[in-house]
Protein backbone atom coordinates (compact mmCIF):
# COMPACT_ATOMS: atom_id res chain seq x y z
CA UNK A 1 -41.85 6.09 6.33
CA UNK A 2 -42.12 2.35 7.71
CA UNK A 3 -41.78 -0.04 4.64
CA UNK A 4 -40.83 2.43 1.79
CA UNK A 5 -38.48 0.69 -0.08
CA UNK A 6 -36.68 0.81 -3.32
CA UNK A 7 -34.49 -1.82 -3.70
CA UNK A 8 -32.33 -0.24 -6.80
CA UNK A 9 -31.23 2.38 -4.24
CA UNK A 10 -30.96 0.05 -1.68
CA UNK A 11 -28.35 -2.15 -3.44
CA UNK A 12 -26.75 1.01 -4.45
CA UNK A 13 -26.44 2.42 -0.96
CA UNK A 14 -25.04 -1.63 0.16
CA UNK A 15 -22.49 -1.17 -2.75
CA UNK A 16 -21.08 2.04 -1.65
CA UNK A 17 -21.35 0.61 2.26
CA UNK A 18 -19.03 -2.28 1.03
CA UNK A 19 -16.04 -0.18 0.66
CA UNK A 20 -13.73 0.14 3.19
CA UNK A 21 -14.39 3.43 5.46
CA UNK A 22 -17.80 4.08 3.87
CA UNK A 23 -20.53 3.80 6.50
CA UNK A 24 -24.24 3.86 5.81
CA UNK A 25 -24.70 7.88 5.99
CA UNK A 26 -21.86 7.95 3.90
CA UNK A 27 -22.97 5.55 1.34
CA UNK A 28 -26.49 7.45 1.45
CA UNK A 29 -24.85 10.30 0.69
CA UNK A 30 -22.64 8.52 -2.30
CA UNK A 31 -25.83 6.81 -3.61
CA UNK A 32 -27.57 10.08 -3.78
CA UNK A 33 -25.00 11.92 -5.68
CA UNK A 34 -25.16 9.35 -8.11
CA UNK A 35 -28.95 9.45 -8.60
CA UNK A 36 -28.33 13.23 -9.02
CA UNK A 37 -25.82 12.51 -11.90
CA UNK A 38 -27.13 12.98 -15.62
CA UNK A 39 -27.34 9.76 -17.84
CA UNK A 40 -23.72 10.57 -19.51
CA UNK A 41 -21.86 11.09 -16.24
CA UNK A 42 -23.66 7.83 -14.48
CA UNK A 43 -22.51 5.82 -17.29
CA UNK A 44 -19.15 7.30 -17.35
CA UNK A 45 -18.60 6.44 -13.44
CA UNK A 46 -19.70 3.16 -14.01
CA UNK A 47 -17.33 2.58 -17.18
CA UNK A 48 -14.05 4.14 -15.07
CA UNK A 49 -14.84 1.37 -12.44
CA UNK A 50 -15.30 -1.03 -15.31
CA UNK A 51 -11.88 -0.16 -17.14
CA UNK A 52 -9.83 0.16 -13.38
CA UNK A 53 -11.08 -3.42 -13.34
CA UNK A 54 -9.86 -4.79 -16.44
CA UNK A 55 -7.28 -2.80 -17.15
CA UNK A 56 -4.98 -2.51 -14.00
CA UNK A 57 -3.32 -5.45 -12.90
CA UNK A 58 0.29 -5.90 -11.32
CA UNK A 59 3.87 -4.61 -12.37
CA UNK A 60 5.73 -7.42 -13.92
CA UNK A 61 8.97 -6.19 -11.56
CA UNK A 62 7.77 -4.85 -8.31
CA UNK A 63 3.84 -5.68 -8.07
CA UNK A 64 2.64 -1.88 -8.40
CA UNK A 65 -0.71 -1.02 -10.07
CA UNK A 66 -0.15 -0.51 -13.34
CA UNK A 67 -2.15 -0.53 -16.67
CA UNK A 68 0.63 -1.42 -18.69
CA UNK A 69 3.78 -4.39 -18.05
CA UNK A 70 5.65 -2.01 -15.93
CA UNK A 71 4.21 0.84 -13.97
CA UNK A 72 5.54 4.64 -14.28
CA UNK A 73 8.51 3.97 -11.38
CA UNK A 74 9.65 0.54 -12.88
CA UNK A 75 9.83 2.46 -16.51
CA UNK A 76 11.78 5.42 -14.95
CA UNK A 77 15.61 5.30 -16.43
CA UNK A 78 16.68 7.90 -13.41
CA UNK A 79 15.49 5.59 -10.65
CA UNK A 80 18.30 4.23 -8.60
CA UNK A 81 17.60 0.22 -9.20
CA UNK A 82 20.54 -0.58 -6.00
CA UNK A 83 17.76 0.49 -3.44
CA UNK A 84 14.55 -1.32 -3.37
CA UNK A 85 11.85 0.14 -0.67
CA UNK A 86 9.57 -2.97 0.19
CA UNK A 87 5.81 -1.69 1.14
CA UNK A 88 2.79 -3.82 1.86
CA UNK A 89 0.74 -2.07 -0.09
CA UNK A 90 0.33 0.20 -3.23
CA UNK A 91 -1.38 2.79 -1.64
CA UNK A 92 2.52 3.51 0.43
CA UNK A 93 3.98 3.94 -2.85
CA UNK A 94 1.52 6.61 -3.80
CA UNK A 95 2.14 8.24 0.07
CA UNK A 96 6.20 8.22 -0.30
CA UNK A 97 5.97 9.49 -4.11
CA UNK A 98 4.10 12.83 -2.85
CA UNK A 99 7.18 13.12 -0.62
CA UNK A 100 9.58 13.63 -3.91
CA UNK A 101 12.40 12.44 -1.47
CA UNK A 102 13.02 8.67 -2.72
CA UNK A 103 14.11 7.93 -6.50
CA UNK A 104 14.84 4.52 -6.17
CA UNK A 105 12.59 1.53 -7.00
CA UNK A 106 9.96 -0.02 -5.16
CA UNK A 107 8.36 -3.46 -4.16
CA UNK A 108 4.71 -4.46 -3.13
CA UNK A 109 4.28 -7.10 -0.92
CA UNK A 110 0.29 -7.17 -1.12
CA UNK A 111 -0.31 -7.52 2.88
CA UNK A 112 1.40 -8.80 5.75
CA UNK A 113 2.30 -11.89 7.31
CA UNK A 114 -0.56 -12.91 9.90
CA UNK A 115 -0.83 -15.86 11.28
CA UNK A 116 -4.06 -14.79 12.71
CA UNK A 117 -5.38 -13.84 9.50
CA UNK A 118 -4.12 -17.00 7.47
CA UNK A 119 -1.99 -15.03 5.74
CA UNK A 120 1.64 -16.72 5.35
CA UNK A 121 4.69 -15.78 3.42
CA UNK A 122 3.29 -17.71 0.39
CA UNK A 123 0.56 -15.69 -0.20
CA UNK A 124 2.58 -12.35 -0.40
CA UNK A 125 4.86 -10.97 -3.33
CA UNK A 126 8.50 -12.33 -1.39
CA UNK A 127 9.34 -15.00 -4.09
CA UNK A 128 9.49 -11.71 -7.19
CA UNK A 129 11.08 -10.05 -4.45
CA UNK A 130 14.25 -12.26 -4.23
CA UNK A 131 14.21 -12.75 -8.07
CA UNK A 132 14.64 -9.30 -8.75
CA UNK A 133 18.07 -9.53 -5.96
CA UNK A 134 19.25 -12.21 -7.49
CA UNK A 135 21.59 -9.64 -10.81
CA UNK A 136 23.53 -8.45 -7.92
CA UNK A 137 22.18 -4.83 -8.82
CA UNK A 138 20.68 -4.43 -5.49
CA UNK A 139 22.63 -2.95 -2.54
CA UNK A 140 20.27 -2.23 -0.09
CA UNK A 141 16.71 -3.34 0.35
CA UNK A 142 14.57 -0.73 2.84
CA UNK A 143 11.79 -2.46 4.76
CA UNK A 144 9.30 0.23 4.87
CA UNK A 145 6.37 -2.63 6.03
CA UNK A 146 3.59 -1.07 8.74
CA UNK A 147 4.94 -0.41 12.04
CA UNK A 148 2.57 -3.13 13.42
CA UNK A 149 2.88 -6.92 14.76
CA UNK A 150 2.54 -8.01 11.22
CA UNK A 151 4.61 -5.38 9.91
CA UNK A 152 7.44 -5.88 11.71
CA UNK A 153 7.35 -10.18 11.36
CA UNK A 154 7.09 -10.00 7.52
CA UNK A 155 10.27 -7.17 7.80
CA UNK A 156 12.04 -9.94 10.36
CA UNK A 157 11.23 -12.63 7.95
CA UNK A 158 12.63 -10.74 4.15
CA UNK A 159 15.42 -9.51 6.24
CA UNK A 160 16.33 -13.23 7.56
CA UNK A 161 16.08 -13.95 3.50
CA UNK A 162 18.30 -11.22 2.27
CA UNK A 163 21.30 -11.04 4.39
CA UNK A 164 22.99 -14.23 3.24
CA UNK A 165 22.97 -12.38 0.08
CA UNK A 166 25.07 -9.78 0.82
CA UNK A 167 22.07 -7.39 0.87
CA UNK A 168 21.94 -4.40 3.50
CA UNK A 169 18.66 -4.17 4.89
CA UNK A 170 17.50 -1.37 6.74
CA UNK A 171 14.00 -0.26 8.35
CA UNK A 172 11.88 2.92 7.87
CA UNK A 173 12.42 5.12 11.23
CA UNK A 174 9.32 5.62 12.50
CA UNK A 175 8.55 8.21 15.73
CA UNK A 176 7.23 11.20 16.95
CA UNK A 177 4.95 12.76 14.06
CA UNK A 178 6.12 16.64 13.01
CA UNK A 179 3.84 18.79 15.15
CA UNK A 180 2.52 15.82 17.95
CA UNK A 181 3.40 16.10 21.49
CA UNK A 182 5.72 13.57 23.39
CA UNK A 183 2.49 13.03 26.34
CA UNK A 184 0.52 11.78 23.51
CA UNK A 185 3.17 9.30 21.75
CA UNK A 186 2.24 5.41 22.93
CA UNK A 187 5.44 3.64 24.31
CA UNK A 188 6.50 1.88 20.53
CA UNK A 189 6.29 5.25 19.12
CA UNK A 190 8.48 6.52 22.08
CA UNK A 191 11.18 3.32 21.71
CA UNK A 192 11.17 3.99 17.58
CA UNK A 193 11.78 7.54 17.86
CA UNK A 194 14.94 7.15 20.37
CA UNK A 195 16.18 4.16 18.28
CA UNK A 196 15.75 6.31 14.90
CA UNK A 197 17.62 9.33 16.51
CA UNK A 198 19.66 11.47 14.41
CA UNK A 199 22.66 14.20 14.94
CA UNK A 200 21.60 17.73 14.82
């Protein structure tokens, strides 16, 4: 119906559509789902957003998200403190933790160096990483930044800062995903797979 407007609904759709990965149709579906909630559920939903915004901040050690001074990984005494895995985003920590294979610590940069995007080293949590390696406990830093131009540049920049300190710097291996076909892999992925090959 032309000219049919419900301003509060339009504002709600606009807010959901402003989220990454949410298109207009999805935003509409979410908005209608919210409208179908009873008042208590709607208030609880809104309160969860407010609580997350007010209570979540950076871990004082690794800069991951937490609601305490330390994140659960940094609080865990069983973690190997001699190894730090450096990632771009808190979501990368969750992805690596799902594997149940990594039992050391993390450091979250909150981005990657991107001159075109106006992001330099000073906007990332690199100084905090350098402070962490000063006490001599850290033996290895695994660079697990994304396999993009920005991720590679960030890994190389941090590597140049750490190597003079006598710290071993390694790069997460990238390659063909399990179940993937070689014919569909791009050249960069294939070259990474060859570099990261292992003995059988």
